[in-house]
Protein backbone atom coordinates (compact mmCIF):
# COMPACT_ATOMS: atom_id res chain seq x y z
CA MET A 1 0.20 0.19 0.00
CA SER A 2 1.29 3.79 -0.76
CA LEU A 3 0.80 6.84 0.77
CA GLN A 4 -1.37 9.24 -1.26
CA THR A 5 0.67 12.02 0.65
CA LEU A 6 3.80 10.69 -1.09
CA GLN A 7 2.98 12.46 -4.31
CA PRO A 8 5.15 15.01 -5.46
CA SER A 9 4.46 18.62 -4.93
CA GLU A 10 3.55 20.66 -7.92
CA SER A 11 4.23 23.76 -6.30
CA TRP A 12 7.57 22.87 -4.85
CA ASP A 13 10.48 25.03 -5.95
CA ALA A 14 13.81 23.32 -6.11
CA ALA A 15 15.26 26.99 -6.80
CA GLY A 16 18.13 27.61 -4.16
CA GLN A 17 17.83 24.18 -3.30
CA GLU A 18 20.93 22.62 -4.81
CA GLY A 19 22.52 21.41 -1.34
CA VAL A 20 19.56 19.94 -0.08
CA LEU A 21 19.10 18.04 -3.40
CA ASP A 22 22.96 17.22 -3.47
CA ALA A 23 22.43 15.61 0.19
CA LEU A 24 19.22 13.26 -0.10
CA ALA A 25 21.25 11.89 -3.13
CA ALA A 26 24.46 11.63 -2.05
CA GLU A 27 24.48 7.74 -1.11
CA GLU A 28 22.39 4.72 -1.46
CA TYR A 29 19.72 5.85 1.12
CA VAL A 30 16.78 4.20 1.62
CA PHE A 31 13.97 6.32 3.12
CA LYS A 32 11.52 4.77 5.14
CA VAL A 33 8.31 6.78 5.50
CA TRP A 34 5.13 6.98 8.20
CA GLY A 35 2.14 8.74 7.23
CA GLY A 36 -1.42 8.72 7.20
CA ASP A 37 -3.58 10.43 4.27
CA TRP A 38 -6.08 11.23 7.30
CA CYS A 39 -3.10 13.44 8.91
CA ILE A 40 -3.31 16.68 8.12
CA ASP A 41 0.85 17.35 8.64
CA CYS A 42 1.51 14.25 6.56
CA ARG A 43 -1.07 15.96 4.10
CA GLN A 44 1.27 19.74 4.36
CA GLN A 45 5.01 18.39 5.14
CA LEU A 46 4.89 14.80 3.07
CA PRO A 47 3.98 16.23 -0.83
CA GLN A 48 6.99 19.26 -0.33
CA PHE A 49 9.17 16.18 0.88
CA ALA A 50 8.45 13.66 -1.99
CA ALA A 51 8.63 16.65 -4.63
CA ALA A 52 12.42 17.05 -3.22
CA LEU A 53 12.90 13.63 -3.09
CA GLU A 54 11.84 13.42 -6.99
CA ALA A 55 13.74 16.59 -7.78
CA ALA A 56 17.61 14.89 -6.16
CA GLY A 57 16.55 12.07 -8.65
CA VAL A 58 15.98 9.09 -5.36
CA PRO A 59 14.37 6.30 -7.42
CA GLU A 60 10.99 5.10 -6.12
CA GLU A 61 12.47 1.38 -5.31
CA ARG A 62 14.40 3.47 -2.12
CA ILE A 63 11.32 5.05 -0.70
CA GLU A 64 9.35 3.15 1.51
CA HIS A 65 5.61 3.71 2.15
CA HIS A 66 4.35 2.83 6.02
CA PRO A 67 0.76 3.77 6.07
CA VAL A 68 0.08 4.34 9.50
CA GLU A 69 -3.37 4.09 10.74
CA LYS A 70 -5.06 5.27 13.77
CA THR A 71 -6.18 2.82 16.85
CA PRO A 72 -8.25 3.06 20.17
CA GLU A 73 -4.51 1.90 21.34
CA GLY A 74 -2.48 4.43 19.28
CA LYS A 75 -0.85 4.21 15.77
CA ALA A 76 -0.28 1.14 14.01
CA GLY A 77 0.90 -0.04 11.05
CA PRO A 78 4.03 -2.02 9.38
CA GLY A 79 7.55 -1.33 11.28
CA VAL A 80 5.52 1.33 13.68
CA GLU A 81 7.03 -1.03 16.99
CA GLU A 82 10.10 -1.90 15.41
CA TYR A 83 11.10 2.35 14.47
CA GLY A 84 8.99 3.17 17.83
CA ILE A 85 7.15 5.62 15.66
CA GLU A 86 4.79 7.60 18.05
CA LEU A 87 4.47 10.55 15.54
CA ILE A 88 3.97 11.42 11.91
CA PRO A 89 5.50 11.95 9.16
CA THR A 90 8.52 10.39 10.56
CA VAL A 91 11.33 9.90 7.72
CA VAL A 92 14.09 7.25 8.48
CA VAL A 93 17.33 7.38 6.63
CA GLU A 94 18.89 4.62 6.52
CA ARG A 95 22.52 3.01 4.26
CA ASP A 96 23.30 -0.22 4.52
CA GLY A 97 20.57 -1.37 6.66
CA GLU A 98 21.48 1.31 9.49
CA GLU A 99 19.99 4.36 10.22
CA VAL A 100 21.67 7.77 9.33
CA ALA A 101 19.12 10.18 10.16
CA ARG A 102 15.52 10.89 11.73
CA PHE A 103 12.75 13.51 10.88
CA VAL A 104 9.94 13.81 13.51
CA GLU A 105 6.49 15.65 12.86
CA GLU A 106 7.28 18.29 15.63
CA GLU A 107 10.85 19.42 13.88
CA ASP A 108 10.56 23.45 13.14
CA GLU A 109 11.79 22.71 9.41
CA PRO A 110 10.92 20.98 5.98
CA ILE A 111 11.41 17.08 5.90
CA ALA A 112 14.25 17.51 3.17
CA ALA A 113 15.85 20.49 4.20
CA TYR A 114 16.06 18.83 8.26
CA LEU A 115 17.40 15.65 6.73
CA ALA A 116 19.69 17.30 4.28
CA ALA A 117 21.42 18.96 7.17
CA ARG A 118 21.69 15.53 9.23
CA LEU A 119 22.99 13.87 6.20
CA SER A 120 25.76 16.18 5.53
CA GLU A 121 26.73 15.86 9.31
CA THR A 122 26.97 12.11 8.93
CA ALA A 123 29.31 12.69 6.03
CA GLU A 124 31.48 15.03 7.37
CA ALA A 125 31.77 12.85 10.08
CA GLU A 126 32.71 10.22 8.44
């Protein structure tokens, strides 16, 4: 199942985003995205992120959709417990099966910019 909210926004502007796009495309990153089409924050943030991934040339096979449902017990869906997902959207970036960055809904920056900064820091530390 895929997230409709991960359809790239046509209004996203890549101008001035070269550093962000370079960071997203720099490695063989896998982007694991938890969200819900019912979630207001996901509907606002994920289309912009999807547009950035598209502009960066990240292939679809490296973008995993993890739809989250609301239940009386909390959030449920693939990988929710395993990855400790409490807020959505959440995006986990992995390289070679290891988590290298994580965006959680409460951050003040757009998803792409936030992750690009974390990925750049990781690359510099190596």
